[in-house]
Amino acid sequence: MKAALYRNTGAAADVLAVEEVDRPEPGRGEVLVRIHASGVNPTDYKARIGLTPRPIDGFQIPHHDGAGVIEAVGDGVDPARVGQRVWTWLAASGRRWGTAAEWTVVPERQAVPLPDNASFELGASLGVPAMTAHYCLFADGPIAGKTVLVAGGAGAVGHFAIQLSERAGARVIATVSSPEKAALAEQAGADLVVNYRDADAAARIRDFASAVDRVVEVALGANLQLDLAVSQAGTVIVTYAAEPSDPVLPVRACMTANINLRFVLLYGVSAAAMDAAVTGISAALASGSLTELPAHRFPLADIVSAHETAEQGVTGKVIVTP
């Protein structure tokens, strides 16, 4: 099969190549998925660069997220799953068979049924972003009737955080940095969209809601001052991304505000929480509550360009199609 892979970490143009490799076969408890779309996430190119060092077993096919059709199953898996449309999550975690290939093999629980009303591109956009969003939102209990602030509402995690919050009955405020991104956050369903660079950003948020209950945070250091300005005792600020430099935490201000800080890295989240995320995302998909981000499409042969585009921080989702 054709697969994008790397044997050493480094810049995309230096280490990524498309090669012919033997197609993997599903072992016990696994399924073979023919990939129709593969999503690129920051964690994928950070691993390839070497920022999050992991051992490479001969070669590494990147990308955790993808969508396609199950073509074969291993022992212990219901044969009726053959022919099922699915989306995958953490396909390359501790394994060489990421989704940037014509086929991948994953444990069956990591191949989740994809409803007919959802495109393969939407399926390939879920995984890391939607599961991160779900955990950030619900790790500290229900959010019905609460006010949620989503920082970076035009990003992939922000997009799904808005839609999962709306579906759960929360009021949603999104912060963005440009009119283009504001339009995306509004399309996703945010009740209020604010440019965080505006001097009156905190005042606009407080006019909409006296305080927020939960913050889904993409840049803790850059945004903490705004977060604290709109928080109340018991507000939970959940951060899921690391900035180039570690922020300095204003301990006294956080104590005075009586806020809770939670830090999330999906690889260490419990199996029960991951399963809960799958259940919640599946229900949202079935109801049509989740929508696609603007797609930037690349064939597998242009894997280098796909990674370089994602690294440049393009708005929307980079999709690779084998």
Protein backbone atom coordinates (compact mmCIF):
# COMPACT_ATOMS: atom_id res chain seq x y z
CA MET A 1 0.00 0.00 0.00
CA LYS A 2 1.03 3.63 -0.39
CA ALA A 3 1.80 5.38 2.89
CA ALA A 4 3.36 8.63 4.02
CA LEU A 5 6.03 7.89 6.59
CA TYR A 6 9.18 9.06 8.32
CA ARG A 7 12.07 7.16 9.86
CA ASN A 8 13.66 10.10 11.67
CA THR A 9 12.21 13.28 13.12
CA GLY A 10 12.73 16.64 11.48
CA ALA A 11 11.29 19.14 9.02
CA ALA A 12 8.54 17.82 6.75
CA ALA A 13 10.57 18.26 3.56
CA ASP A 14 13.54 16.44 5.11
CA VAL A 15 11.88 13.36 6.58
CA LEU A 16 8.45 12.74 5.05
CA ALA A 17 8.12 10.48 2.00
CA VAL A 18 5.43 8.42 0.31
CA GLU A 19 6.49 4.79 -0.07
CA GLU A 20 5.09 1.34 -0.75
CA VAL A 21 4.86 -0.75 2.43
CA ASP A 22 3.13 -4.01 3.23
CA ARG A 23 -0.50 -3.54 4.16
CA PRO A 24 -1.06 -4.29 7.86
CA GLU A 25 -3.35 -7.14 8.84
CA PRO A 26 -5.71 -6.89 11.80
CA GLY A 27 -4.75 -8.88 14.87
CA ARG A 28 -7.04 -10.00 17.64
CA GLY A 29 -9.45 -7.24 18.60
CA GLU A 30 -8.40 -5.06 15.64
CA VAL A 31 -9.98 -3.84 12.41
CA LEU A 32 -8.51 -2.96 9.02
CA VAL A 33 -9.80 0.39 7.73
CA ARG A 34 -9.55 1.62 4.15
CA ILE A 35 -8.85 5.32 4.63
CA HIS A 36 -10.90 7.84 2.65
CA ALA A 37 -9.72 10.95 4.53
CA SER A 38 -6.95 11.65 7.04
CA GLY A 39 -6.89 14.71 9.32
CA VAL A 40 -3.74 16.60 10.32
CA ASN A 41 -3.47 17.89 13.90
CA PRO A 42 -0.74 19.87 15.68
CA THR A 43 0.15 16.76 17.69
CA ASP A 44 0.93 14.97 14.39
CA TYR A 45 3.46 17.46 13.11
CA LYS A 46 4.90 18.08 16.57
CA ALA A 47 5.65 14.35 16.85
CA ARG A 48 7.20 14.37 13.37
CA ILE A 49 9.35 17.41 14.21
CA GLY A 50 10.52 15.69 17.40
CA LEU A 51 8.97 18.08 19.92
CA THR A 52 7.21 15.15 21.61
CA PRO A 53 9.83 12.39 21.28
CA ARG A 54 8.50 8.87 20.82
CA PRO A 55 10.35 5.74 19.74
CA ILE A 56 10.03 4.90 16.03
CA ASP A 57 9.55 1.23 15.18
CA GLY A 58 11.38 1.23 11.84
CA PHE A 59 9.06 3.84 10.39
CA GLN A 60 6.12 5.93 11.53
CA ILE A 61 3.01 6.64 9.48
CA PRO A 62 1.61 9.87 10.96
CA HIS A 63 -1.91 11.09 11.81
CA HIS A 64 -4.22 9.87 14.53
CA ASP A 65 -7.49 10.87 12.90
CA GLY A 66 -9.09 9.43 9.81
CA ALA A 67 -12.27 8.07 8.33
CA GLY A 68 -13.04 5.22 5.99
CA VAL A 69 -14.59 1.78 5.73
CA ILE A 70 -13.75 -1.40 7.64
CA GLU A 71 -12.54 -4.04 5.16
CA ALA A 72 -11.45 -6.84 7.51
CA VAL A 73 -11.56 -7.75 11.20
CA GLY A 74 -9.33 -9.76 13.49
CA ASP A 75 -10.27 -12.54 15.87
CA GLY A 76 -12.79 -11.52 18.50
CA VAL A 77 -14.38 -8.78 16.37
CA ASP A 78 -17.89 -9.14 15.02
CA PRO A 79 -17.58 -9.90 11.26
CA ALA A 80 -20.69 -7.78 10.73
CA ARG A 81 -18.46 -4.72 11.14
CA VAL A 82 -16.98 -5.32 7.67
CA GLY A 83 -18.34 -2.60 5.37
CA GLN A 84 -19.04 -0.19 8.25
CA ARG A 85 -18.19 3.50 7.81
CA VAL A 86 -16.00 4.63 10.74
CA TRP A 87 -13.88 7.44 12.16
CA THR A 88 -10.67 6.70 14.05
CA TRP A 89 -8.96 8.24 17.06
CA LEU A 90 -5.33 8.02 18.30
CA ALA A 91 -4.50 5.58 15.50
CA ALA A 92 -0.77 6.36 15.73
CA SER A 93 -0.49 6.42 19.52
CA GLY A 94 2.14 3.81 20.40
CA ARG A 95 1.66 2.26 16.94
CA ARG A 96 3.25 2.77 13.53
CA TRP A 97 -0.04 2.60 11.57
CA GLY A 98 -1.32 6.17 11.40
CA THR A 99 -4.00 7.22 8.93
CA ALA A 100 -1.78 8.91 6.32
CA ALA A 101 -1.97 5.77 4.21
CA GLU A 102 -4.37 3.75 2.08
CA TRP A 103 -5.13 1.47 5.04
CA THR A 104 -4.67 1.49 8.78
CA VAL A 105 -5.19 -1.05 11.56
CA VAL A 106 -6.60 0.05 14.93
CA PRO A 107 -8.15 -1.59 17.99
CA GLU A 108 -11.85 -1.91 17.23
CA ARG A 109 -12.94 0.58 19.92
CA GLN A 110 -10.85 3.19 18.09
CA ALA A 111 -12.90 2.72 14.92
CA VAL A 112 -16.23 4.38 15.72
CA PRO A 113 -19.33 4.08 13.50
CA LEU A 114 -19.75 7.13 11.26
CA PRO A 115 -23.39 7.95 10.43
CA ASP A 116 -24.43 8.17 6.80
CA ASN A 117 -25.25 11.86 7.29
CA ALA A 118 -21.59 12.62 8.15
CA SER A 119 -18.94 12.94 5.44
CA PHE A 120 -15.59 11.19 5.60
CA GLU A 121 -13.95 14.63 5.89
CA LEU A 122 -16.01 15.42 8.97
CA GLY A 123 -15.12 12.01 10.39
CA ALA A 124 -11.42 12.67 9.81
CA SER A 125 -11.76 16.02 11.62
CA LEU A 126 -13.03 14.50 14.90
CA GLY A 127 -10.65 12.36 16.94
CA VAL A 128 -8.15 14.59 18.72
CA PRO A 129 -10.06 17.91 18.43
CA ALA A 130 -13.57 16.72 19.27
CA MET A 131 -12.47 14.36 22.03
CA THR A 132 -10.30 17.10 23.55
CA ALA A 133 -13.24 19.50 23.39
CA HIS A 134 -15.56 16.97 25.03
CA TYR A 135 -13.17 16.28 27.91
CA CYS A 136 -12.52 19.99 28.49
CA LEU A 137 -16.24 20.64 28.67
CA PHE A 138 -17.49 17.71 30.73
CA ALA A 139 -14.61 16.59 32.98
CA ASP A 140 -16.03 18.76 35.75
CA GLY A 141 -19.68 17.87 35.38
CA PRO A 142 -22.70 18.87 33.30
CA ILE A 143 -22.81 22.27 31.62
CA ALA A 144 -26.55 22.65 30.95
CA GLY A 145 -27.58 26.17 31.87
CA LYS A 146 -23.97 27.28 32.36
CA THR A 147 -21.90 29.82 30.43
CA VAL A 148 -18.89 28.52 28.53
CA LEU A 149 -16.07 30.66 27.14
CA VAL A 150 -14.25 29.05 24.20
CA ALA A 151 -10.91 30.68 23.41
CA GLY A 152 -9.92 30.28 19.78
CA GLY A 153 -13.45 29.61 18.58
CA ALA A 154 -12.36 29.23 14.94
CA GLY A 155 -9.89 26.41 15.64
CA ALA A 156 -10.75 22.72 15.43
CA VAL A 157 -11.07 22.18 19.20
CA GLY A 158 -12.89 25.50 19.54
CA HIS A 159 -15.29 24.64 16.71
CA PHE A 160 -16.38 21.37 18.31
CA ALA A 161 -16.38 22.89 21.81
CA ILE A 162 -18.92 25.47 20.63
CA GLN A 163 -21.16 22.86 19.04
CA LEU A 164 -20.96 20.34 21.89
CA SER A 165 -21.68 23.14 24.39
CA GLU A 166 -24.71 24.36 22.46
CA ARG A 167 -26.05 20.82 22.21
CA ALA A 168 -25.60 20.36 25.97
CA GLY A 169 -27.68 23.44 26.75
CA ALA A 170 -24.93 25.92 27.63
CA ARG A 171 -24.60 29.54 26.55
CA VAL A 172 -21.42 29.92 24.53
CA ILE A 173 -19.04 32.85 24.18
CA ALA A 174 -16.17 32.49 21.70
CA THR A 175 -13.07 34.65 21.40
CA VAL A 176 -11.26 35.13 18.09
CA SER A 177 -8.64 37.41 16.53
CA SER A 178 -10.16 38.49 13.20
CA PRO A 179 -13.46 39.06 11.36
CA GLU A 180 -12.83 35.93 9.26
CA LYS A 181 -12.51 33.81 12.39
CA ALA A 182 -15.49 35.56 13.99
CA ALA A 183 -17.63 34.43 11.05
CA LEU A 184 -16.53 30.82 11.55
CA ALA A 185 -17.33 30.93 15.28
CA GLU A 186 -20.74 32.41 14.55
CA GLN A 187 -21.44 29.71 11.95
CA ALA A 188 -20.46 27.08 14.53
CA GLY A 189 -23.24 28.44 16.77
CA ALA A 190 -21.59 30.71 19.37
CA ASP A 191 -24.08 33.01 21.09
CA LEU A 192 -21.51 35.81 21.41
CA VAL A 193 -18.24 36.28 19.53
CA VAL A 194 -15.62 38.73 20.81
CA ASN A 195 -12.25 39.77 19.44
CA TYR A 196 -9.97 39.21 22.41
CA ARG A 197 -7.67 41.99 21.19
CA ASP A 198 -10.36 44.63 21.69
CA ALA A 199 -9.91 46.81 24.76
CA ASP A 200 -13.51 46.23 25.80
CA ALA A 201 -13.44 42.43 25.38
CA ALA A 202 -13.94 41.70 29.09
CA ALA A 203 -16.71 44.28 29.38
CA ARG A 204 -18.58 42.81 26.40
CA ILE A 205 -18.38 39.34 27.93
CA ARG A 206 -19.58 40.59 31.33
CA ASP A 207 -22.46 42.44 29.66
CA PHE A 208 -23.55 39.14 28.13
CA ALA A 209 -23.01 37.08 31.31
CA SER A 210 -22.00 38.31 34.73
CA ALA A 211 -19.36 35.57 34.81
CA VAL A 212 -18.42 32.40 32.95
CA ASP A 213 -18.52 28.94 34.49
CA ARG A 214 -16.09 27.12 32.23
CA VAL A 215 -13.25 28.24 29.96
CA VAL A 216 -11.86 26.04 27.18
CA GLU A 217 -8.42 27.62 26.79
CA VAL A 218 -5.96 27.33 23.89
CA ALA A 219 -3.38 29.86 25.13
CA LEU A 220 -3.32 30.12 28.91
CA GLY A 221 -0.45 32.60 29.17
CA ALA A 222 -1.82 35.00 26.58
CA ASN A 223 -5.43 34.84 27.74
CA LEU A 224 -5.32 34.31 31.52
CA GLN A 225 -5.82 37.99 32.33
CA LEU A 226 -9.03 38.04 30.29
CA ASP A 227 -10.13 34.69 31.74
CA LEU A 228 -9.70 35.95 35.30
CA ALA A 229 -11.56 39.17 34.48
CA VAL A 230 -14.69 37.23 33.53
CA SER A 231 -14.46 34.39 36.08
CA GLN A 232 -16.16 33.84 39.41
CA ALA A 233 -15.50 31.58 42.39
CA GLY A 234 -15.58 28.02 41.07
CA THR A 235 -14.92 28.82 37.43
CA VAL A 236 -12.92 26.03 35.78
CA ILE A 237 -10.28 27.04 33.24
CA VAL A 238 -9.24 24.00 31.19
CA THR A 239 -6.16 24.39 29.01
CA TYR A 240 -5.26 21.86 26.31
CA ALA A 241 -2.35 23.45 24.43
CA ALA A 242 1.20 24.44 25.34
CA GLU A 243 2.61 27.78 24.24
CA PRO A 244 6.24 28.17 23.08
CA SER A 245 7.15 29.63 26.48
CA ASP A 246 5.63 28.49 29.76
CA PRO A 247 3.43 31.23 31.24
CA VAL A 248 4.11 32.81 34.60
CA LEU A 249 1.15 31.98 36.81
CA PRO A 250 -0.18 34.90 38.92
CA VAL A 251 -0.85 32.74 41.96
CA ARG A 252 -2.33 35.49 44.15
CA ALA A 253 -4.75 36.59 41.43
CA CYS A 254 -5.85 32.98 40.86
CA MET A 255 -6.32 32.47 44.59
CA THR A 256 -8.30 35.68 44.91
CA ALA A 257 -10.54 34.63 42.04
CA ASN A 258 -10.97 31.14 43.57
CA ILE A 259 -10.75 29.56 40.13
CA ASN A 260 -9.83 25.97 39.27
CA LEU A 261 -7.16 25.19 36.68
CA ARG A 262 -7.20 21.90 34.77
CA PHE A 263 -4.54 20.79 32.31
CA VAL A 264 -5.38 18.26 29.59
CA LEU A 265 -3.25 16.01 27.39
CA LEU A 266 -5.43 13.50 25.58
CA TYR A 267 -2.87 10.68 25.72
CA GLY A 268 -3.22 10.48 29.50
CA VAL A 269 -7.00 10.75 29.78
CA SER A 270 -8.70 7.71 31.33
CA ALA A 271 -10.31 5.05 29.15
CA ALA A 272 -13.67 5.80 30.76
CA ALA A 273 -13.43 9.49 29.82
CA MET A 274 -12.39 8.60 26.27
CA ASP A 275 -15.35 6.25 25.95
CA ALA A 276 -17.65 8.97 27.29
CA ALA A 277 -16.27 11.34 24.64
CA VAL A 278 -16.93 8.79 21.91
CA THR A 279 -20.50 8.36 23.16
CA GLY A 280 -21.13 12.09 23.31
CA ILE A 281 -19.59 12.79 19.90
CA SER A 282 -21.50 9.91 18.32
CA ALA A 283 -24.79 11.26 19.66
CA ALA A 284 -23.96 14.74 18.36
CA LEU A 285 -23.08 13.31 14.95
CA ALA A 286 -26.31 11.34 14.78
CA SER A 287 -28.31 14.48 15.52
CA GLY A 288 -26.45 16.53 12.91
CA SER A 289 -25.05 18.88 15.56
CA LEU A 290 -21.43 18.74 14.34
CA THR A 291 -20.32 20.40 11.12
CA GLU A 292 -17.18 20.49 9.02
CA LEU A 293 -14.48 23.14 9.19
CA PRO A 294 -13.23 24.77 5.98
CA ALA A 295 -11.10 22.07 4.35
CA HIS A 296 -7.65 22.37 2.79
CA ARG A 297 -7.30 19.18 0.75
CA PHE A 298 -4.08 17.47 -0.31
CA PRO A 299 -3.49 14.14 -2.04
CA LEU A 300 -1.20 11.72 -0.22
CA ALA A 301 1.59 12.55 -2.67
CA ASP A 302 1.60 16.13 -1.33
CA ILE A 303 2.02 15.11 2.32
CA VAL A 304 4.90 17.57 2.77
CA SER A 305 2.74 20.49 1.65
CA ALA A 306 -0.09 19.28 3.87
CA HIS A 307 2.14 19.31 6.95
CA GLU A 308 3.71 22.65 6.07
CA THR A 309 0.26 24.19 5.61
CA ALA A 310 -0.91 22.86 8.98
CA GLU A 311 2.24 24.17 10.68
CA GLN A 312 1.59 27.64 9.29
CA GLY A 313 -1.60 27.74 11.33
CA VAL A 314 -4.05 27.90 8.44
CA THR A 315 -7.66 28.50 9.49
CA GLY A 316 -9.72 25.36 8.94
CA LYS A 317 -8.76 21.70 8.66
CA VAL A 318 -5.99 20.12 6.60
CA ILE A 319 -7.27 16.89 5.04
CA VAL A 320 -5.11 14.31 3.23
CA THR A 321 -6.84 11.93 0.82
CA PRO A 322 -5.02 8.68 0.00
